[in-house]
Amino acid sequence: MSRRLDKAVARLDKAGRAHRRADAPTASASASSSSSAVHLTPPLPGARSPAPARPALATTPPTVRAALCQLPVGADKAANIDAAVRAVADAAANGATLVVLPEMWNCPYGNEHFPAYAEEIPEEVANDHDERQHHEQRRAPPLNAADHPSTRSLADAARAHSCVVVAGSIPERCARTGALYNTCCVFSETGALLAKHRKTHLFDVDIPGEITFRESDVLTPGEALTVVDTSAGRLGVGVCFDLRFPELAAACANRGAETLVFPGAFNTVTGPVHWELLQRARAVDNQVFVLTCSPARVEGATYQAWGHSTAVGPFAEILATTDEKAGTVFADLEMGEIGRRRRNMPLEQQRRGDLYALCDFGAPRRGEGETPGEEGRTKG
């Protein structure tokens, strides 16, 4: 991976130098300029202006009923798994075709717990764009029930109840290196492991007198963004702190994600001021649905989750939400709202790529998007 990234960086650096030489002003022009304005270097060749086309999914139903299962999480791993399986069953019984679980749903949230509760999960199968750090995973090897109780149980639940499950996150131990990750799996309605997203931005904060936490003391950051096609539409996946970075959301949206899903466990310090704000910002910036799912708040727990699992529409409207208690939030996502909002406010056509650049190397240029139904069409 590092060698591929080095090559990519070298190509970018070479392109940037050539572009800057081509646009460099002459000496006389520089001497005659009396303006105090700051002139930024033009974007690299290939920067999107405007954003690339987003091919529509032929398989996305007009309405997706989503369920956000806000689960109480305790020290008993088997009990946590049973609660998650029951929640999937109950959500499907109430018509949900897309079920989302919280961050770290199989163990208490804390660095001291992650190693003890960690499981190995089959490695993702990267496509030929993995040197660009963008993975759209194909089908992974079958999961063994004894080695992977959390993921195996949810794969079985997804298949038994014919729903797509964004399985929150669990601590993952890499079979090759032993490194620990905060990992979200996505299962199809047949129980196939479609994608595995490793949290890319770790929760390292120090707010004096309020909260100090460093995930990086135990966990390793992921190295890929995740966009995956499902029967509930094309999903972009992040975990908790990933929500704070608009670049991740924009890259996923520009590769056709219709819904951004963020299992998360914001706390009672940052949750009241940032949780809803960030969700609505990511939704309106990209004109997509945003779904978040938190653990319920557990009295006496060392880490106090904010809760308030929420569904947000593409105009930043709150579709459904809850409080800090255990329960399931249901929201009907009218997928046609995405197109309507983009027609009413055509941000794609209004982006000024001549002034700024967002270099999403996994995205197709206009006219180069793959057509619905093609194998590997989410490669971008």
Protein backbone atom coordinates (compact mmCIF):
# COMPACT_ATOMS: atom_id res chain seq x y z
CA MET A 1 0.00 0.00 0.00
CA SER A 2 2.73 2.48 0.95
CA ARG A 3 4.59 1.92 -2.34
CA ARG A 4 1.40 2.53 -4.31
CA LEU A 5 0.71 5.69 -2.35
CA ASP A 6 4.27 6.92 -2.91
CA LYS A 7 3.79 6.50 -6.65
CA ALA A 8 0.48 8.37 -6.54
CA VAL A 9 2.01 11.23 -4.56
CA ALA A 10 4.93 11.43 -6.98
CA ARG A 11 2.54 11.71 -9.94
CA LEU A 12 0.58 14.45 -8.21
CA ASP A 13 3.73 16.37 -7.33
CA LYS A 14 4.98 16.18 -10.91
CA ALA A 15 1.61 17.34 -12.28
CA GLY A 16 1.46 20.19 -9.77
CA ARG A 17 4.93 21.47 -10.66
CA ALA A 18 4.11 21.42 -14.36
CA HIS A 19 0.83 23.23 -13.77
CA ARG A 20 2.46 25.91 -11.62
CA ARG A 21 5.19 26.51 -14.22
CA ALA A 22 2.55 26.95 -16.91
CA ASP A 23 0.66 29.49 -14.83
CA ALA A 24 3.64 31.35 -13.35
CA PRO A 25 3.55 35.11 -14.09
CA THR A 26 6.46 36.76 -15.88
CA ALA A 27 8.94 38.84 -13.88
CA SER A 28 7.63 42.08 -15.37
CA ALA A 29 4.06 41.14 -14.57
CA SER A 30 5.00 40.42 -10.96
CA ALA A 31 6.86 43.73 -10.62
CA SER A 32 3.95 45.77 -11.98
CA SER A 33 1.37 44.21 -9.70
CA SER A 34 0.31 46.51 -6.86
CA SER A 35 -2.66 44.46 -5.66
CA SER A 36 -2.70 43.31 -2.03
CA ALA A 37 -4.95 40.33 -2.85
CA VAL A 38 -3.69 36.81 -2.20
CA HIS A 39 -3.66 34.68 -5.35
CA LEU A 40 -3.80 30.96 -4.72
CA THR A 41 -2.22 28.41 -7.02
CA PRO A 42 -4.87 27.08 -9.45
CA PRO A 43 -6.11 23.56 -8.76
CA LEU A 44 -4.19 20.61 -10.13
CA PRO A 45 -5.16 19.36 -13.58
CA GLY A 46 -8.08 16.99 -13.25
CA ALA A 47 -9.68 18.72 -10.26
CA ARG A 48 -13.44 18.50 -10.57
CA SER A 49 -15.19 21.51 -12.05
CA PRO A 50 -18.02 20.80 -11.49
CA ALA A 51 -18.41 17.50 -9.65
CA PRO A 52 -18.51 14.26 -11.65
CA ALA A 53 -21.75 12.70 -12.75
CA ARG A 54 -23.45 10.52 -10.17
CA PRO A 55 -24.95 7.53 -12.02
CA ALA A 56 -28.34 6.64 -10.52
CA LEU A 57 -28.86 3.18 -9.13
CA ALA A 58 -31.43 1.24 -11.09
CA THR A 59 -32.06 -0.95 -8.05
CA THR A 60 -32.79 1.76 -5.48
CA PRO A 61 -36.45 1.53 -4.41
CA PRO A 62 -38.47 4.78 -4.32
CA THR A 63 -38.81 4.52 -0.55
CA VAL A 64 -36.35 2.94 1.89
CA ARG A 65 -37.59 2.28 5.39
CA ALA A 66 -34.60 2.67 7.70
CA ALA A 67 -34.34 1.56 11.31
CA LEU A 68 -31.75 2.95 13.72
CA CYS A 69 -31.39 0.56 16.65
CA GLN A 70 -30.20 2.46 19.73
CA LEU A 71 -29.01 -0.42 21.90
CA PRO A 72 -27.91 -0.48 25.54
CA VAL A 73 -24.45 -2.04 25.68
CA GLY A 74 -23.06 -3.87 28.70
CA ALA A 75 -20.13 -6.07 29.66
CA ASP A 76 -21.82 -9.35 28.62
CA LYS A 77 -20.83 -9.85 24.98
CA ALA A 78 -23.28 -12.71 24.38
CA ALA A 79 -26.13 -10.59 25.74
CA ASN A 80 -25.09 -7.69 23.49
CA ILE A 81 -25.14 -9.98 20.46
CA ASP A 82 -28.56 -11.38 21.37
CA ALA A 83 -29.93 -7.84 21.78
CA ALA A 84 -28.59 -6.83 18.36
CA VAL A 85 -30.10 -9.88 16.67
CA ARG A 86 -33.48 -9.22 18.30
CA ALA A 87 -33.33 -5.58 17.24
CA VAL A 88 -32.76 -6.56 13.60
CA ALA A 89 -35.69 -8.96 13.76
CA ASP A 90 -38.00 -6.36 15.33
CA ALA A 91 -36.96 -3.70 12.83
CA ALA A 92 -37.62 -5.99 9.87
CA ALA A 93 -40.97 -7.00 11.35
CA ASN A 94 -41.86 -3.30 11.29
CA GLY A 95 -41.01 -3.00 7.61
CA ALA A 96 -37.38 -1.86 7.72
CA THR A 97 -35.25 -2.85 4.73
CA LEU A 98 -32.18 -0.98 6.01
CA VAL A 99 -31.15 -1.59 9.63
CA VAL A 100 -28.34 0.33 11.35
CA LEU A 101 -26.64 -0.57 14.64
CA PRO A 102 -24.49 1.65 16.92
CA GLU A 103 -20.76 2.09 17.19
CA MET A 104 -19.15 -0.54 19.45
CA TRP A 105 -22.40 -2.40 20.02
CA ASN A 106 -20.80 -5.66 21.21
CA CYS A 107 -18.68 -4.14 24.02
CA PRO A 108 -18.54 -1.15 26.36
CA TYR A 109 -16.87 1.84 24.75
CA GLY A 110 -13.37 2.14 26.20
CA ASN A 111 -9.77 1.41 25.29
CA GLU A 112 -9.55 -1.12 28.09
CA HIS A 113 -12.36 -3.17 26.50
CA PHE A 114 -11.44 -3.16 22.81
CA PRO A 115 -8.69 -5.83 22.89
CA ALA A 116 -10.74 -8.29 24.96
CA TYR A 117 -13.85 -8.04 22.76
CA ALA A 118 -12.06 -7.89 19.39
CA GLU A 119 -12.78 -10.38 16.61
CA GLU A 120 -11.07 -11.19 13.36
CA ILE A 121 -13.09 -10.36 10.25
CA PRO A 122 -12.18 -11.57 6.75
CA GLU A 123 -10.07 -9.03 4.89
CA GLU A 124 -11.81 -6.86 2.36
CA VAL A 125 -11.38 -7.66 -1.33
CA ALA A 126 -10.11 -4.42 -2.85
CA ASN A 127 -10.80 -3.43 -6.43
CA ASP A 128 -8.21 -2.15 -8.87
CA HIS A 129 -8.53 1.40 -7.50
CA ASP A 130 -7.14 0.54 -4.09
CA GLU A 131 -3.96 2.52 -4.72
CA ARG A 132 -6.20 5.56 -4.53
CA GLN A 133 -7.29 4.51 -1.03
CA HIS A 134 -10.90 4.03 -2.08
CA HIS A 135 -12.31 0.53 -1.56
CA GLU A 136 -15.63 -0.74 -2.86
CA GLN A 137 -15.57 -4.23 -1.45
CA ARG A 138 -16.77 -7.31 -3.23
CA ARG A 139 -17.98 -10.44 -1.48
CA ALA A 140 -15.66 -11.55 1.31
CA PRO A 141 -15.00 -15.15 2.41
CA PRO A 142 -17.66 -16.83 4.59
CA LEU A 143 -17.53 -16.02 8.29
CA ASN A 144 -16.93 -18.82 10.77
CA ALA A 145 -19.41 -18.78 13.67
CA ALA A 146 -16.88 -19.75 16.36
CA ASP A 147 -14.26 -17.16 15.36
CA HIS A 148 -16.63 -14.32 14.46
CA PRO A 149 -19.70 -14.49 16.70
CA SER A 150 -20.70 -10.83 16.32
CA THR A 151 -20.45 -10.60 12.56
CA ARG A 152 -21.71 -14.14 11.97
CA SER A 153 -24.80 -13.50 14.07
CA LEU A 154 -25.66 -10.33 12.17
CA ALA A 155 -25.00 -11.94 8.79
CA ASP A 156 -27.47 -14.66 9.78
CA ALA A 157 -29.97 -12.06 10.99
CA ALA A 158 -29.73 -10.09 7.74
CA ARG A 159 -30.38 -13.26 5.75
CA ALA A 160 -33.18 -14.51 8.01
CA HIS A 161 -35.06 -11.21 7.82
CA SER A 162 -34.12 -10.16 4.26
CA CYS A 163 -32.78 -6.73 5.15
CA VAL A 164 -29.56 -4.80 4.61
CA VAL A 165 -27.69 -4.43 7.90
CA VAL A 166 -25.10 -1.72 8.53
CA ALA A 167 -23.68 -3.51 11.53
CA GLY A 168 -22.56 -0.56 13.63
CA SER A 169 -18.99 -1.24 14.60
CA ILE A 170 -16.99 -3.69 16.68
CA PRO A 171 -13.31 -3.89 17.60
CA GLU A 172 -11.59 -5.85 14.82
CA ARG A 173 -8.26 -7.64 15.18
CA CYS A 174 -6.38 -7.89 11.89
CA ALA A 175 -5.46 -11.52 11.25
CA ARG A 176 -2.22 -10.54 9.48
CA THR A 177 -0.81 -7.86 11.78
CA GLY A 178 -2.72 -8.11 15.04
CA ALA A 179 -3.63 -4.41 14.81
CA LEU A 180 -6.98 -3.34 16.24
CA TYR A 181 -9.52 -1.33 14.23
CA ASN A 182 -12.94 0.19 14.87
CA THR A 183 -14.77 -1.58 12.05
CA CYS A 184 -18.24 -1.42 10.50
CA CYS A 185 -19.51 -4.30 8.35
CA VAL A 186 -22.32 -4.06 5.80
CA PHE A 187 -24.38 -7.19 5.09
CA SER A 188 -26.76 -7.76 2.19
CA GLU A 189 -30.23 -9.19 2.58
CA THR A 190 -28.72 -12.59 1.74
CA GLY A 191 -26.18 -12.31 4.56
CA ALA A 192 -23.21 -11.60 2.27
CA LEU A 193 -20.49 -9.34 3.65
CA LEU A 194 -20.57 -6.48 1.15
CA ALA A 195 -18.16 -4.04 2.76
CA LYS A 196 -15.97 -3.44 5.77
CA HIS A 197 -15.17 0.11 6.80
CA ARG A 198 -12.37 0.76 9.27
CA LYS A 199 -12.82 4.07 11.08
CA THR A 200 -10.48 6.49 9.34
CA HIS A 201 -10.44 9.35 11.88
CA LEU A 202 -9.76 8.23 15.43
CA PHE A 203 -11.32 9.92 18.44
CA ASP A 204 -8.38 11.72 20.05
CA VAL A 205 -9.59 14.69 22.10
CA ASP A 206 -8.58 16.58 25.22
CA ILE A 207 -11.14 19.06 26.53
CA PRO A 208 -9.73 20.04 29.96
CA GLY A 209 -12.12 19.40 32.79
CA GLU A 210 -14.65 17.68 30.55
CA ILE A 211 -13.33 14.74 28.53
CA THR A 212 -10.01 13.22 27.46
CA PHE A 213 -9.89 10.17 25.22
CA ARG A 214 -7.32 8.76 22.78
CA GLU A 215 -8.50 5.91 20.58
CA SER A 216 -5.09 5.92 18.93
CA ASP A 217 -3.57 4.51 22.11
CA VAL A 218 -5.18 1.19 21.15
CA LEU A 219 -6.74 1.45 17.70
CA THR A 220 -5.24 1.89 14.22
CA PRO A 221 -6.90 4.21 11.66
CA GLY A 222 -8.33 2.74 8.48
CA GLU A 223 -6.82 3.66 5.13
CA ALA A 224 -9.87 3.62 2.83
CA LEU A 225 -13.22 5.25 2.21
CA THR A 226 -16.22 3.00 1.70
CA VAL A 227 -19.05 3.26 -0.82
CA VAL A 228 -21.16 0.17 -1.38
CA ASP A 229 -24.15 -0.78 -3.50
CA THR A 230 -27.02 -2.45 -1.67
CA SER A 231 -30.67 -3.18 -2.35
CA ALA A 232 -31.40 -0.13 -0.17
CA GLY A 233 -29.33 2.13 -2.42
CA ARG A 234 -25.72 3.21 -2.61
CA LEU A 235 -24.34 3.84 0.85
CA GLY A 236 -21.32 5.78 2.05
CA VAL A 237 -20.12 4.56 5.44
CA GLY A 238 -18.23 6.31 8.22
CA VAL A 239 -17.86 5.72 11.94
CA CYS A 240 -18.48 8.42 14.58
CA PHE A 241 -15.53 10.87 14.41
CA ASP A 242 -15.52 10.42 10.60
CA LEU A 243 -18.67 12.57 10.66
CA ARG A 244 -16.59 15.64 11.55
CA PHE A 245 -14.68 15.61 8.25
CA PRO A 246 -16.65 17.03 5.31
CA GLU A 247 -14.04 15.74 2.85
CA LEU A 248 -15.01 12.14 3.59
CA ALA A 249 -18.71 12.84 3.10
CA ALA A 250 -18.05 14.80 -0.12
CA ALA A 251 -15.90 12.04 -1.59
CA CYS A 252 -18.58 9.44 -0.87
CA ALA A 253 -21.36 11.63 -2.29
CA ASN A 254 -19.35 12.38 -5.42
CA ARG A 255 -19.04 8.67 -6.00
CA GLY A 256 -22.80 8.33 -5.98
CA ALA A 257 -23.67 7.63 -2.34
CA GLU A 258 -27.33 8.46 -1.80
CA THR A 259 -27.26 7.84 1.94
CA LEU A 260 -24.38 8.43 4.35
CA VAL A 261 -24.46 6.16 7.39
CA PHE A 262 -22.53 6.95 10.57
CA PRO A 263 -22.73 4.60 13.54
CA GLY A 264 -21.42 6.80 16.34
CA ALA A 265 -21.06 7.22 20.08
CA PHE A 266 -20.78 10.95 20.71
CA ASN A 267 -20.58 11.77 24.41
CA THR A 268 -22.55 14.07 26.68
CA VAL A 269 -19.98 16.86 26.28
CA THR A 270 -19.86 17.21 22.48
CA GLY A 271 -23.18 15.53 21.66
CA PRO A 272 -25.50 18.37 22.71
CA VAL A 273 -23.71 20.94 20.56
CA HIS A 274 -22.26 19.00 17.61
CA TRP A 275 -24.15 15.74 16.98
CA GLU A 276 -27.19 17.13 15.15
CA LEU A 277 -25.26 20.08 13.71
CA LEU A 278 -22.74 17.84 11.93
CA GLN A 279 -25.39 15.50 10.57
CA ARG A 280 -27.42 18.32 9.09
CA ALA A 281 -24.29 19.94 7.65
CA ARG A 282 -23.17 16.75 5.92
CA ALA A 283 -26.69 16.27 4.53
CA VAL A 284 -27.16 19.77 3.14
CA ASP A 285 -23.59 20.03 1.83
CA ASN A 286 -24.02 16.91 -0.28
CA GLN A 287 -27.81 16.80 -0.74
CA VAL A 288 -28.05 13.24 0.58
CA PHE A 289 -29.70 11.41 3.45
CA VAL A 290 -27.64 11.03 6.62
CA LEU A 291 -28.33 8.30 9.19
CA THR A 292 -26.65 8.11 12.59
CA CYS A 293 -27.03 5.42 15.22
CA SER A 294 -25.74 5.73 18.78
CA PRO A 295 -25.68 3.35 21.72
CA ALA A 296 -28.24 4.13 24.41
CA ARG A 297 -27.00 5.85 27.52
CA VAL A 298 -26.32 3.34 30.31
CA GLU A 299 -26.46 4.52 33.89
CA GLY A 300 -23.15 3.99 35.67
CA ALA A 301 -21.16 3.35 32.49
CA THR A 302 -17.67 4.88 32.36
CA TYR A 303 -18.41 6.41 28.95
CA GLN A 304 -21.74 8.19 28.69
CA ALA A 305 -23.16 8.11 25.15
CA TRP A 306 -25.27 11.03 23.98
CA GLY A 307 -27.79 8.82 22.15
CA HIS A 308 -30.24 10.74 19.93
CA SER A 309 -29.96 8.49 16.87
CA THR A 310 -31.23 10.55 13.95
CA ALA A 311 -32.28 10.46 10.30
CA VAL A 312 -31.73 13.64 8.26
CA GLY A 313 -33.04 14.45 4.78
CA PRO A 314 -31.19 16.08 1.86
CA PHE A 315 -32.51 19.54 2.79
CA ALA A 316 -31.12 19.16 6.32
CA GLU A 317 -34.58 18.39 7.71
CA ILE A 318 -34.85 16.06 10.73
CA LEU A 319 -36.91 13.10 9.61
CA ALA A 320 -36.84 11.19 12.88
CA THR A 321 -34.88 11.19 16.12
CA THR A 322 -35.04 10.05 19.73
CA ASP A 323 -33.61 10.73 23.18
CA GLU A 324 -30.87 8.90 25.10
CA LYS A 325 -32.94 5.83 25.99
CA ALA A 326 -32.91 2.44 24.30
CA GLY A 327 -35.25 2.10 21.34
CA THR A 328 -35.50 2.01 17.56
CA VAL A 329 -35.98 5.04 15.31
CA PHE A 330 -37.82 4.47 12.02
CA ALA A 331 -37.62 6.79 9.02
CA ASP A 332 -39.00 6.47 5.50
CA LEU A 333 -36.41 7.82 3.07
CA GLU A 334 -38.12 9.13 -0.08
CA MET A 335 -35.24 8.74 -2.49
CA GLY A 336 -36.79 11.05 -5.07
CA GLU A 337 -36.14 13.93 -2.67
CA ILE A 338 -32.45 13.80 -3.58
CA GLY A 339 -33.10 14.58 -7.24
CA ARG A 340 -35.68 17.22 -6.40
CA ARG A 341 -33.37 19.07 -4.03
CA ARG A 342 -30.50 18.92 -6.51
CA ARG A 343 -32.70 20.31 -9.28
CA ASN A 344 -33.93 23.13 -7.04
CA MET A 345 -30.42 24.00 -5.88
CA PRO A 346 -27.93 22.70 -8.48
CA LEU A 347 -24.76 22.80 -6.41
CA GLU A 348 -22.95 20.42 -8.77
CA GLN A 349 -23.15 22.92 -11.60
CA GLN A 350 -22.29 25.84 -9.34
CA ARG A 351 -19.06 24.51 -7.82
CA ARG A 352 -16.04 26.67 -8.65
CA GLY A 353 -13.36 24.16 -9.52
CA ASP A 354 -11.35 27.04 -10.94
CA LEU A 355 -10.94 28.36 -7.39
CA TYR A 356 -10.70 25.23 -5.30
CA ALA A 357 -10.20 21.53 -5.78
CA LEU A 358 -11.41 18.35 -4.16
CA CYS A 359 -9.33 15.63 -5.77
CA ASP A 360 -11.42 12.48 -5.39
CA PHE A 361 -9.38 10.05 -7.47
CA GLY A 362 -11.98 7.29 -7.20
CA ALA A 363 -14.69 9.30 -8.94
CA PRO A 364 -15.59 9.16 -12.66
CA ARG A 365 -15.38 12.23 -14.83
CA ARG A 366 -18.52 13.42 -16.55
CA GLY A 367 -19.48 11.01 -19.27
CA GLU A 368 -17.25 8.26 -17.87
CA GLY A 369 -19.57 6.88 -15.18
CA GLU A 370 -20.41 3.22 -15.38
CA THR A 371 -23.95 2.35 -16.27
CA PRO A 372 -26.30 0.72 -13.77
CA GLY A 373 -26.00 -3.02 -13.69
CA GLU A 374 -22.37 -3.23 -14.76
CA GLU A 375 -20.10 -5.46 -12.70
CA GLY A 376 -18.08 -3.35 -10.32
CA ARG A 377 -20.04 -0.22 -11.22
CA THR A 378 -19.26 1.46 -7.89
CA LYS A 379 -15.54 1.51 -8.63
CA GLY A 380 -16.06 5.09 -9.77
